[in-house]
Amino acid sequence: MSVWEAVGGAQQGGLLVRIGKATSSAQKPDRLSSGSFVKEIALEGERLNYELLSGSGPENGWVSIKMKGVELLRKSDKSETEVAALAPEEKELPAALAALPVLKPLAESLWIAKYKSSPHARCRLICVFGAGADSSSFSSWNNIIETSYPALDLVMVQLPQHGLNRKVPVQQGATACAKLIVDELLTLEGEDAGPFALFGFSIGATVVYAMQREFEARECSAVCMYAGGRASPSISYRPEDEDKQKTPATYLKWFAKAFLSPKDTEKLQKMIKACESDATMLESMSDVFKADLVMGNSCGRREIPKPIPVKCDIHVCASSGDKVWPACKSAQVSSACTPEYEDIEETWTRWTTGNVTSTVLENLPHYELCAAKLLRVVCNHLVALLSKPQC
């Protein structure tokens, strides 16, 4: 049987896979990532029934080899044995990407959570997560990078007073926080800094925007900036009931209900119960969460009254099911986003001189958006950018 290589779908987070041959059959939850190799089980017209050989995505299913004349899968001249024998980096690296120098591993730092260097890395993906997040909870992302994106080096920033990063006081301004992060990253890089991209989720999108400004002030720039689950700094998030929470415990419970998954909410509730007799601990936790939300809004009217555009492209990742930062028509979902907006991608156009593009995932609530599917969208888009000869 023939071997095929997935060559399309990078900007959509991979190729849509269905259970059956019919395009009306149920979709599988994951997508087939660009660069994957599959074995042909059956080919009927432009529908391919496959078995996964390498890469990431469903182990089997049906995909379209073309869509509106655009090639999505290409028949490979490699055999199954040759695909199996390929080193991980050879499976993923087009010529332009393979030509980039291999990056040196970063030294240990309290600012970086669960760092696992890639021996084949050509570009760092620097991530800043949402309010209240301990970046170490995303350690499973290292496995996805290692398996499917060996050309990338995942750097998960730990914000002050989160996780083990306890020496630096809590920050309420994204500009000041960004300066601290960039100082640390450039110290770790030394003189051999290579290509990097910035990914921020929710409040993290505000922080990475401020980081890009700081990098530009030091005459360097990200390949691309990825803003996940947040509109531009022009839009503030101000839920009406936040100010009604009069005690640290009630604030933490409100925060969990507003932003966290059921699993993380249960964990936080257990922590609240365990700390009932320790008012100082509860107050410290609630102060950090409050500061995170303030920082998420800080690049708006308070720090930057008018948009100051960065020079890199911005790719916006949103969900049609996000009720915190809706992909479109925010006023129909929540009054917390002020001013209201029609299209989350459009809100970012004044904040860059580069291009603004977007990927909208379907029906994911805010707390489910920052997960493996979103990481694959970002990585596929980034690898595609790096694979262009001009990069």
Protein backbone atom coordinates (compact mmCIF):
# COMPACT_ATOMS: atom_id res chain seq x y z
CA MET A 1 0.00 0.00 0.00
CA SER A 2 1.08 3.58 -0.68
CA VAL A 3 2.45 6.02 1.89
CA TRP A 4 1.06 9.57 1.96
CA GLU A 5 2.35 12.76 3.60
CA ALA A 6 0.00 15.39 5.05
CA VAL A 7 1.00 18.68 3.41
CA GLY A 8 -2.03 20.86 4.13
CA GLY A 9 -4.06 22.07 7.05
CA ALA A 10 -1.25 23.84 8.92
CA GLN A 11 -3.23 27.01 9.62
CA GLN A 12 -6.32 25.04 10.71
CA GLY A 13 -4.48 22.94 13.27
CA GLY A 14 -4.32 19.92 10.98
CA LEU A 15 -6.58 18.01 8.60
CA LEU A 16 -10.14 17.11 9.52
CA VAL A 17 -10.53 13.36 10.07
CA ARG A 18 -13.88 11.57 9.95
CA ILE A 19 -14.97 8.15 11.15
CA GLY A 20 -16.46 7.12 7.81
CA LYS A 21 -15.94 7.78 4.11
CA ALA A 22 -18.89 10.15 3.83
CA THR A 23 -18.10 13.81 4.50
CA SER A 24 -21.27 13.88 6.62
CA SER A 25 -19.94 11.21 9.01
CA ALA A 26 -18.84 12.11 12.54
CA GLN A 27 -15.58 13.99 13.01
CA LYS A 28 -12.80 12.61 15.17
CA PRO A 29 -11.81 14.89 18.09
CA ASP A 30 -8.21 15.43 16.91
CA ARG A 31 -6.85 16.49 13.53
CA LEU A 32 -4.07 14.96 11.45
CA SER A 33 -1.07 17.27 11.79
CA SER A 34 0.83 18.63 8.82
CA GLY A 35 4.01 16.62 8.20
CA SER A 36 2.48 13.31 9.33
CA PHE A 37 2.96 10.15 7.26
CA VAL A 38 0.07 7.71 6.81
CA LYS A 39 -0.43 4.34 5.16
CA GLU A 40 -3.18 3.99 2.57
CA ILE A 41 -5.85 1.44 3.52
CA ALA A 42 -8.30 2.42 0.81
CA LEU A 43 -8.65 5.27 -1.69
CA GLU A 44 -12.08 6.08 -3.06
CA GLY A 45 -12.12 9.14 -5.27
CA GLU A 46 -10.53 11.92 -3.20
CA ARG A 47 -11.25 10.20 0.14
CA LEU A 48 -8.40 8.32 1.81
CA ASN A 49 -8.80 5.73 4.55
CA TYR A 50 -5.49 5.73 6.40
CA GLU A 51 -3.45 4.31 9.25
CA LEU A 52 -1.04 6.68 11.03
CA LEU A 53 2.67 5.88 10.61
CA SER A 54 4.27 8.99 12.13
CA GLY A 55 3.28 12.43 13.34
CA SER A 56 0.22 13.25 15.43
CA GLY A 57 -3.50 12.81 15.02
CA PRO A 58 -6.04 9.99 15.01
CA GLU A 59 -4.56 6.53 14.51
CA ASN A 60 -6.94 5.91 11.60
CA GLY A 61 -9.86 7.45 9.76
CA TRP A 62 -10.93 9.09 6.52
CA VAL A 63 -9.48 12.33 5.12
CA SER A 64 -9.76 14.29 1.88
CA ILE A 65 -6.60 14.34 -0.24
CA LYS A 66 -7.78 17.56 -1.93
CA MET A 67 -10.15 20.37 -1.05
CA LYS A 68 -11.31 22.85 -3.70
CA GLY A 69 -8.27 22.01 -5.81
CA VAL A 70 -5.80 22.45 -2.93
CA GLU A 71 -3.57 19.45 -2.19
CA LEU A 72 -3.94 18.23 1.40
CA LEU A 73 -2.08 14.90 1.22
CA ARG A 74 0.63 13.97 -1.24
CA LYS A 75 1.73 10.47 -2.20
CA SER A 76 5.24 9.92 -0.84
CA ASP A 77 8.08 8.01 -2.46
CA LYS A 78 9.06 6.65 0.98
CA SER A 79 8.17 3.14 2.06
CA GLU A 80 6.74 2.21 5.47
CA THR A 81 10.17 0.93 6.47
CA GLU A 82 11.84 4.19 5.44
CA VAL A 83 9.31 6.27 7.38
CA ALA A 84 9.84 4.14 10.47
CA ALA A 85 13.62 4.55 10.16
CA LEU A 86 13.52 8.32 9.93
CA ALA A 87 14.90 10.26 12.90
CA PRO A 88 12.18 12.44 14.48
CA GLU A 89 13.68 15.64 13.13
CA GLU A 90 13.81 14.28 9.58
CA LYS A 91 10.08 13.59 9.61
CA GLU A 92 9.21 17.17 10.47
CA LEU A 93 11.83 19.48 8.97
CA PRO A 94 11.47 20.93 5.49
CA ALA A 95 14.71 22.17 3.92
CA ALA A 96 14.35 25.82 4.97
CA LEU A 97 13.71 24.84 8.58
CA ALA A 98 16.46 22.21 8.69
CA ALA A 99 18.93 24.84 7.44
CA LEU A 100 18.49 26.94 10.59
CA PRO A 101 21.14 26.41 13.30
CA VAL A 102 20.32 24.14 16.22
CA LEU A 103 19.59 26.09 19.41
CA LYS A 104 21.53 25.56 22.62
CA PRO A 105 19.50 24.42 25.65
CA LEU A 106 18.55 27.12 28.15
CA ALA A 107 19.95 27.06 31.66
CA GLU A 108 17.67 26.29 34.59
CA SER A 109 15.51 29.19 35.78
CA LEU A 110 12.62 29.70 38.19
CA TRP A 111 11.01 31.74 35.41
CA ILE A 112 10.68 28.64 33.23
CA ALA A 113 8.50 25.65 34.19
CA LYS A 114 9.25 22.00 33.30
CA TYR A 115 11.77 22.89 30.61
CA LYS A 116 12.78 20.00 28.37
CA SER A 117 15.22 21.02 25.67
CA SER A 118 14.96 19.60 22.18
CA PRO A 119 18.22 18.42 20.58
CA HIS A 120 16.84 19.42 17.15
CA ALA A 121 15.32 22.80 18.07
CA ARG A 122 15.55 25.62 15.54
CA CYS A 123 13.02 28.00 17.12
CA ARG A 124 11.80 28.64 20.65
CA LEU A 125 8.08 28.87 21.39
CA ILE A 126 7.78 31.11 24.45
CA CYS A 127 4.43 30.66 26.23
CA VAL A 128 2.65 32.75 28.87
CA PHE A 129 -0.55 31.29 30.28
CA GLY A 130 -3.76 32.66 31.77
CA ALA A 131 -4.78 34.11 35.12
CA GLY A 132 -3.98 31.91 38.09
CA ALA A 133 -2.17 29.32 35.96
CA ASP A 134 0.82 27.36 37.19
CA SER A 135 2.77 26.74 33.98
CA SER A 136 4.03 23.41 35.27
CA SER A 137 0.49 22.05 34.85
CA PHE A 138 1.12 22.18 31.07
CA SER A 139 4.08 19.78 31.28
CA SER A 140 2.28 17.31 28.95
CA TRP A 141 2.87 19.83 26.15
CA ASN A 142 6.53 18.76 26.21
CA ASN A 143 5.48 15.31 25.00
CA ILE A 144 3.55 16.79 22.07
CA ILE A 145 6.52 18.94 21.08
CA GLU A 146 8.96 16.05 21.36
CA THR A 147 6.78 13.69 19.32
CA SER A 148 5.37 15.99 16.66
CA TYR A 149 7.39 19.24 16.57
CA PRO A 150 11.05 18.45 17.32
CA ALA A 151 12.20 21.64 15.58
CA LEU A 152 10.58 23.70 18.35
CA ASP A 153 11.82 24.34 21.88
CA LEU A 154 8.98 24.87 24.35
CA VAL A 155 9.63 27.61 26.94
CA MET A 156 6.76 27.93 29.43
CA VAL A 157 7.13 31.16 31.40
CA GLN A 158 6.20 31.08 35.07
CA LEU A 159 4.81 34.45 36.14
CA PRO A 160 5.90 35.95 39.49
CA GLN A 161 4.27 34.33 42.54
CA HIS A 162 3.12 31.37 40.44
CA GLY A 163 4.54 27.89 40.85
CA LEU A 164 8.13 28.05 42.08
CA ASN A 165 8.76 31.63 40.94
CA ARG A 166 8.32 33.17 44.40
CA LYS A 167 11.29 35.53 44.69
CA VAL A 168 9.82 38.22 42.45
CA PRO A 169 6.82 40.16 43.82
CA VAL A 170 3.45 39.93 42.10
CA GLN A 171 3.10 42.21 39.07
CA GLN A 172 0.04 44.22 38.06
CA GLY A 173 1.45 45.84 34.94
CA ALA A 174 2.16 43.85 31.78
CA THR A 175 4.88 46.28 30.65
CA ALA A 176 6.90 45.90 33.86
CA CYS A 177 6.35 42.14 33.94
CA ALA A 178 7.40 41.82 30.29
CA LYS A 179 10.65 43.66 30.99
CA LEU A 180 11.48 41.22 33.80
CA ILE A 181 10.73 38.21 31.57
CA VAL A 182 12.73 39.53 28.61
CA ASP A 183 15.65 40.38 30.92
CA GLU A 184 15.69 36.77 32.14
CA LEU A 185 15.29 35.19 28.70
CA LEU A 186 18.06 37.25 27.11
CA THR A 187 20.35 36.49 30.05
CA LEU A 188 19.70 32.78 29.53
CA GLU A 189 20.22 33.05 25.77
CA GLY A 190 23.48 34.96 25.93
CA GLU A 191 24.84 36.04 22.55
CA ASP A 192 23.51 33.03 20.66
CA ALA A 193 19.81 33.88 20.60
CA GLY A 194 17.99 32.26 17.69
CA PRO A 195 14.48 32.54 16.23
CA PHE A 196 11.56 32.63 18.64
CA ALA A 197 7.79 32.99 18.63
CA LEU A 198 5.49 34.25 21.39
CA PHE A 199 2.28 32.57 22.51
CA GLY A 200 0.01 34.07 25.15
CA PHE A 201 -3.30 32.76 26.40
CA SER A 202 -5.90 35.06 27.97
CA ILE A 203 -3.94 37.53 30.16
CA GLY A 204 -0.83 35.94 28.66
CA ALA A 205 -1.75 37.50 25.29
CA THR A 206 -1.42 40.94 26.86
CA VAL A 207 1.92 39.97 28.40
CA VAL A 208 3.41 38.63 25.15
CA TYR A 209 2.32 41.80 23.34
CA ALA A 210 4.27 43.78 25.95
CA MET A 211 7.17 41.33 25.58
CA GLN A 212 7.26 41.88 21.82
CA ARG A 213 7.48 45.64 22.41
CA GLU A 214 10.34 45.05 24.85
CA PHE A 215 12.14 42.74 22.41
CA GLU A 216 11.78 45.33 19.63
CA ALA A 217 13.28 47.96 21.93
CA ARG A 218 16.31 45.65 22.12
CA GLU A 219 16.40 45.24 18.33
CA CYS A 220 15.01 41.74 18.01
CA SER A 221 11.58 40.36 17.14
CA ALA A 222 9.43 37.27 17.28
CA VAL A 223 8.78 35.32 14.09
CA CYS A 224 5.09 35.58 14.99
CA MET A 225 2.95 36.39 18.00
CA TYR A 226 0.04 34.10 18.90
CA ALA A 227 -2.85 35.57 20.90
CA GLY A 228 -5.09 32.85 22.30
CA GLY A 229 -8.42 33.42 23.98
CA ARG A 230 -8.20 37.20 24.29
CA ALA A 231 -9.06 40.33 22.33
CA SER A 232 -6.49 43.10 21.91
CA PRO A 233 -5.44 45.42 24.75
CA SER A 234 -8.07 47.89 23.48
CA ILE A 235 -10.69 45.66 25.12
CA SER A 236 -10.89 45.28 28.88
CA TYR A 237 -12.46 42.39 30.75
CA ARG A 238 -14.51 43.76 33.67
CA PRO A 239 -17.07 41.31 35.06
CA GLU A 240 -19.77 43.08 37.07
CA ASP A 241 -19.77 40.64 39.98
CA GLU A 242 -16.00 40.67 40.67
CA ASP A 243 -16.26 43.64 43.06
CA LYS A 244 -19.02 41.91 45.04
CA GLN A 245 -16.60 39.29 46.39
CA LYS A 246 -15.81 40.63 49.86
CA THR A 247 -13.55 37.90 51.27
CA PRO A 248 -10.55 36.05 49.83
CA ALA A 249 -12.48 32.75 49.96
CA THR A 250 -15.49 34.10 48.07
CA TYR A 251 -13.21 35.77 45.52
CA LEU A 252 -11.36 32.51 44.86
CA LYS A 253 -14.65 30.63 44.45
CA TRP A 254 -15.91 33.30 42.05
CA PHE A 255 -12.65 33.14 40.08
CA ALA A 256 -12.89 29.35 39.78
CA LYS A 257 -16.46 29.50 38.53
CA ALA A 258 -15.58 32.20 35.98
CA PHE A 259 -12.36 30.80 34.52
CA LEU A 260 -11.40 27.31 35.65
CA SER A 261 -12.34 23.84 34.46
CA PRO A 262 -14.49 21.64 36.74
CA LYS A 263 -11.36 19.62 37.61
CA ASP A 264 -9.30 22.71 38.51
CA THR A 265 -12.27 24.20 40.37
CA GLU A 266 -12.44 21.09 42.54
CA LYS A 267 -8.71 21.37 43.29
CA LEU A 268 -9.03 25.04 44.25
CA GLN A 269 -12.03 24.36 46.46
CA LYS A 270 -10.01 21.72 48.32
CA MET A 271 -7.19 24.24 48.80
CA ILE A 272 -9.66 26.82 50.11
CA LYS A 273 -11.06 24.31 52.58
CA ALA A 274 -7.58 23.24 53.70
CA CYS A 275 -6.62 26.89 54.30
CA GLU A 276 -9.81 27.94 56.12
CA SER A 277 -7.83 28.60 59.30
CA ASP A 278 -5.04 30.43 57.44
CA ALA A 279 -6.45 33.80 56.41
CA THR A 280 -3.03 35.00 55.27
CA MET A 281 -2.68 32.17 52.76
CA LEU A 282 -6.15 32.74 51.28
CA GLU A 283 -5.51 36.47 51.02
CA SER A 284 -2.18 35.85 49.30
CA MET A 285 -3.80 33.52 46.74
CA SER A 286 -6.66 35.91 46.00
CA ASP A 287 -4.22 38.84 45.67
CA VAL A 288 -2.27 36.95 42.98
CA PHE A 289 -5.42 36.11 41.02
CA LYS A 290 -6.67 39.70 41.28
CA ALA A 291 -3.31 41.02 40.10
CA ASP A 292 -3.41 38.67 37.12
CA LEU A 293 -6.73 40.11 35.97
CA VAL A 294 -5.46 43.65 36.47
CA MET A 295 -2.37 42.83 34.42
CA GLY A 296 -4.54 41.44 31.63
CA ASN A 297 -6.19 44.85 31.30
CA SER A 298 -3.08 46.92 31.96
CA CYS A 299 -1.94 47.55 28.37
CA GLY A 300 -5.20 49.28 27.58
CA ARG A 301 -6.05 52.80 28.63
CA ARG A 302 -3.90 52.71 31.79
CA GLU A 303 -0.47 52.03 30.24
CA ILE A 304 -1.08 52.59 26.51
CA PRO A 305 -3.96 55.04 25.83
CA LYS A 306 -3.61 54.51 22.06
CA PRO A 307 -2.43 51.37 20.25
CA ILE A 308 1.33 51.14 19.73
CA PRO A 309 1.75 48.63 16.88
CA VAL A 310 4.39 45.91 17.05
CA LYS A 311 6.16 44.82 13.88
CA CYS A 312 5.49 41.07 13.83
CA ASP A 313 2.49 39.23 12.43
CA ILE A 314 -0.21 38.20 14.90
CA HIS A 315 -2.23 35.00 14.66
CA VAL A 316 -5.35 35.03 16.83
CA CYS A 317 -6.75 31.75 18.21
CA ALA A 318 -10.29 31.80 19.51
CA SER A 319 -13.31 29.57 20.05
CA SER A 320 -16.93 29.88 19.04
CA GLY A 321 -17.84 28.46 22.45
CA ASP A 322 -15.73 30.84 24.58
CA LYS A 323 -18.02 32.86 26.85
CA VAL A 324 -15.16 34.82 28.44
CA TRP A 325 -13.55 36.10 25.21
CA PRO A 326 -16.01 35.20 22.40
CA ALA A 327 -14.71 34.84 18.86
CA CYS A 328 -17.35 37.28 17.64
CA LYS A 329 -20.27 39.49 18.75
CA SER A 330 -19.12 39.76 22.35
CA ALA A 331 -22.22 41.67 23.49
CA GLN A 332 -24.42 38.66 22.70
CA VAL A 333 -22.40 36.52 25.12
CA SER A 334 -21.13 38.78 27.88
CA SER A 335 -21.18 42.39 29.00
CA ALA A 336 -17.73 41.97 30.61
CA CYS A 337 -15.82 42.81 27.42
CA THR A 338 -15.67 46.59 27.13
CA PRO A 339 -16.02 48.07 24.65
CA GLU A 340 -17.91 45.31 22.84
CA TYR A 341 -16.51 43.95 19.60
CA GLU A 342 -17.79 42.17 16.50
CA ASP A 343 -14.72 40.09 15.59
CA ILE A 344 -11.86 39.18 17.95
CA GLU A 345 -9.37 39.10 15.06
CA GLU A 346 -10.29 42.62 13.99
CA THR A 347 -9.52 43.99 17.48
CA TRP A 348 -5.81 43.22 16.94
CA THR A 349 -5.39 44.96 13.56
CA ARG A 350 -4.38 48.32 15.07
CA TRP A 351 -1.82 46.67 17.36
CA THR A 352 0.58 45.52 14.64
CA THR A 353 1.99 46.77 11.35
CA GLY A 354 2.12 43.13 10.23
CA ASN A 355 -0.63 40.78 9.13
CA VAL A 356 -3.38 39.55 11.45
CA THR A 357 -4.87 36.12 10.79
CA SER A 358 -6.95 33.79 12.91
CA THR A 359 -8.06 30.26 13.65
CA VAL A 360 -11.46 29.75 15.28
CA LEU A 361 -12.00 26.39 16.99
CA GLU A 362 -15.50 25.11 17.52
CA ASN A 363 -17.52 24.97 20.73
CA LEU A 364 -14.67 25.02 23.26
CA PRO A 365 -15.29 26.91 26.51
CA HIS A 366 -12.53 29.24 27.69
CA TYR A 367 -11.08 26.72 30.15
CA GLU A 368 -10.82 24.02 27.43
CA LEU A 369 -9.31 26.26 24.76
CA CYS A 370 -5.78 26.30 26.18
CA ALA A 371 -5.12 22.61 25.52
CA ALA A 372 -3.40 20.23 23.10
CA LYS A 373 -5.55 21.21 20.11
CA LEU A 374 -4.61 24.88 20.47
CA LEU A 375 -0.93 23.99 20.87
CA ARG A 376 -1.09 22.05 17.59
CA VAL A 377 -2.72 24.99 15.82
CA VAL A 378 0.08 27.27 16.98
CA CYS A 379 2.87 24.79 16.20
CA ASN A 380 1.54 23.89 12.75
CA HIS A 381 1.23 27.56 11.85
CA LEU A 382 4.71 28.33 13.20
CA VAL A 383 6.39 25.39 11.45
CA ALA A 384 4.73 26.44 8.20
CA LEU A 385 6.12 29.98 8.61
CA LEU A 386 9.60 28.73 9.39
CA SER A 387 9.49 26.38 6.40
CA LYS A 388 9.13 29.21 3.92
CA PRO A 389 12.45 29.98 2.16
CA GLN A 390 12.35 33.67 3.15
CA CYS A 391 12.39 32.73 6.86
